C-alpha atoms as a PDB file:
ATOM      1  CA  MET A   1       2.511  10.725   5.215  1.00  0.00           C
ATOM      2  CA  LYS A   2       0.670  12.714   7.859  1.00  0.00           C
ATOM      3  CA  ILE A   3      -0.356  11.631  11.354  1.00  0.00           C
ATOM      4  CA  ILE A   4      -3.098  13.644  13.046  1.00  0.00           C
ATOM      5  CA  LEU A   5      -4.414  13.214  16.595  1.00  0.00           C
ATOM      6  CA  ASP A   6      -7.729  14.980  17.156  1.00  0.00           C
ATOM      7  CA  LYS A   7      -7.883  15.362  20.936  1.00  0.00           C
ATOM      8  CA  ALA A   8     -11.505  16.540  20.864  1.00  0.00           C
ATOM      9  CA  SER A   9     -12.761  13.362  19.163  1.00  0.00           C
ATOM     10  CA  ASN A  10      -9.912  11.127  20.436  1.00  0.00           C
ATOM     11  CA  MET A  11      -9.285   9.934  16.865  1.00  0.00           C
ATOM     12  CA  LEU A  12      -5.906   9.141  15.339  1.00  0.00           C
ATOM     13  CA  ASN A  13      -5.734   9.519  11.570  1.00  0.00           C
ATOM     14  CA  ILE A  14      -2.748   8.190   9.603  1.00  0.00           C
ATOM     15  CA  GLN A  15      -2.823   9.559   6.054  1.00  0.00           C
ATOM     16  CA  LEU A  16      -0.571   7.497   3.817  1.00  0.00           C
ATOM     17  CA  SER A  17      -1.521   9.170   0.533  1.00  0.00           C
ATOM     18  CA  ASP A  18      -3.288  12.243  -0.829  1.00  0.00           C
ATOM     19  CA  LYS A  19      -5.318  10.062  -3.199  1.00  0.00           C
ATOM     20  CA  PRO A  20      -9.065  10.080  -2.508  1.00  0.00           C
ATOM     21  CA  SER A  21     -10.646   7.237  -0.596  1.00  0.00           C
ATOM     22  CA  ILE A  22     -13.027   5.131  -2.683  1.00  0.00           C
ATOM     23  CA  GLU A  23     -13.868   2.386  -0.182  1.00  0.00           C
ATOM     24  CA  SER A  24     -13.593   1.836   3.571  1.00  0.00           C
ATOM     25  CA  ALA A  25     -13.494  -1.291   5.691  1.00  0.00           C
ATOM     26  CA  GLU A  26     -13.806  -1.591   9.452  1.00  0.00           C
ATOM     27  CA  LEU A  27     -11.219  -4.256  10.301  1.00  0.00           C
ATOM     28  CA  GLU A  28     -12.366  -4.359  13.892  1.00  0.00           C
ATOM     29  CA  GLU A  29     -14.321  -2.069  16.168  1.00  0.00           C
ATOM     30  CA  GLY A  30     -12.690   1.363  16.047  1.00  0.00           C
ATOM     31  CA  LEU A  31     -10.180   0.558  13.281  1.00  0.00           C
ATOM     32  CA  VAL A  32     -11.106   1.716   9.780  1.00  0.00           C
ATOM     33  CA  VAL A  33      -8.937   1.437   6.672  1.00  0.00           C
ATOM     34  CA  ASP A  34      -9.630   3.503   3.540  1.00  0.00           C
ATOM     35  CA  TYR A  35      -8.656   2.338   0.044  1.00  0.00           C
ATOM     36  CA  ASP A  36      -8.095   4.228  -3.205  1.00  0.00           C
ATOM     37  CA  GLY A  37      -9.353   3.172  -6.639  1.00  0.00           C
ATOM     38  CA  ASP A  38      -6.398   0.788  -7.045  1.00  0.00           C
ATOM     39  CA  GLY A  39      -7.139  -0.996  -3.772  1.00  0.00           C
ATOM     40  CA  LEU A  40      -4.175   0.551  -1.948  1.00  0.00           C
ATOM     41  CA  ILE A  41      -4.488   1.774   1.639  1.00  0.00           C
ATOM     42  CA  VAL A  42      -4.567   5.569   1.756  1.00  0.00           C
ATOM     43  CA  ASN A  43      -5.746   6.190   5.316  1.00  0.00           C
ATOM     44  CA  ILE A  44      -6.043   4.466   8.694  1.00  0.00           C
ATOM     45  CA  GLU A  45      -8.479   5.793  11.292  1.00  0.00           C
ATOM     46  CA  ILE A  46      -8.284   4.724  14.915  1.00  0.00           C
ATOM     47  CA  GLU A  47     -11.205   5.708  17.122  1.00  0.00           C
ATOM     48  CA  ASN A  48     -10.745   6.016  20.890  1.00  0.00           C
ATOM     49  CA  ALA A  49      -7.008   6.343  20.281  1.00  0.00           C
ATOM     50  CA  ASN A  50      -6.103   6.769  23.966  1.00  0.00           C
ATOM     51  CA  ASN A  51      -7.343   3.245  24.684  1.00  0.00           C
ATOM     52  CA  PHE A  52      -6.291   1.527  21.448  1.00  0.00           C
ATOM     53  CA  ASP A  53      -3.965  -1.459  21.833  1.00  0.00           C
ATOM     54  CA  PHE A  54      -1.079  -0.519  19.531  1.00  0.00           C
ATOM     55  CA  SER A  55       0.632  -3.850  20.239  1.00  0.00           C
ATOM     56  CA  LYS A  56      -1.669  -5.205  17.500  1.00  0.00           C
ATOM     57  CA  PHE A  57       0.521  -3.419  14.943  1.00  0.00           C
ATOM     58  CA  THR A  58       3.760  -4.819  13.616  1.00  0.00           C
ATOM     59  CA  PHE A  59       6.410  -2.315  12.583  1.00  0.00           C
ATOM     60  CA  GLU A  60       9.118  -3.424  10.206  1.00  0.00           C
ATOM     61  CA  THR A  61      11.938  -1.777   8.311  1.00  0.00           C
ATOM     62  CA  LEU A  62      12.502  -3.205   4.873  1.00  0.00           C
ATOM     63  CA  ASN A  63      15.747  -2.920   2.981  1.00  0.00           C
ATOM     64  CA  GLN A  64      15.147  -1.882  -0.584  1.00  0.00           C
ATOM     65  CA  LYS A  65      17.825  -2.705  -3.122  1.00  0.00           C
ATOM     66  CA  SER A  66      18.386  -0.097  -5.785  1.00  0.00           C
ATOM     67  CA  SER A  67      18.301  -1.213  -9.413  1.00  0.00           C
END
């Protein structure tokens, strides 16, 4: 995962995967999600990052049991 803040364009880019983006969807104004060929999210773009309301996100830690 890579998180990039471009101060010049005020865009926050969260790269979740190196797989290429096949499709994009604007979930709301200034929030774009990119999908790979399997329909998995590979990138999240947040325009006007300084003014974005991050309280819209939910952060969770999941416990993964080993097999």
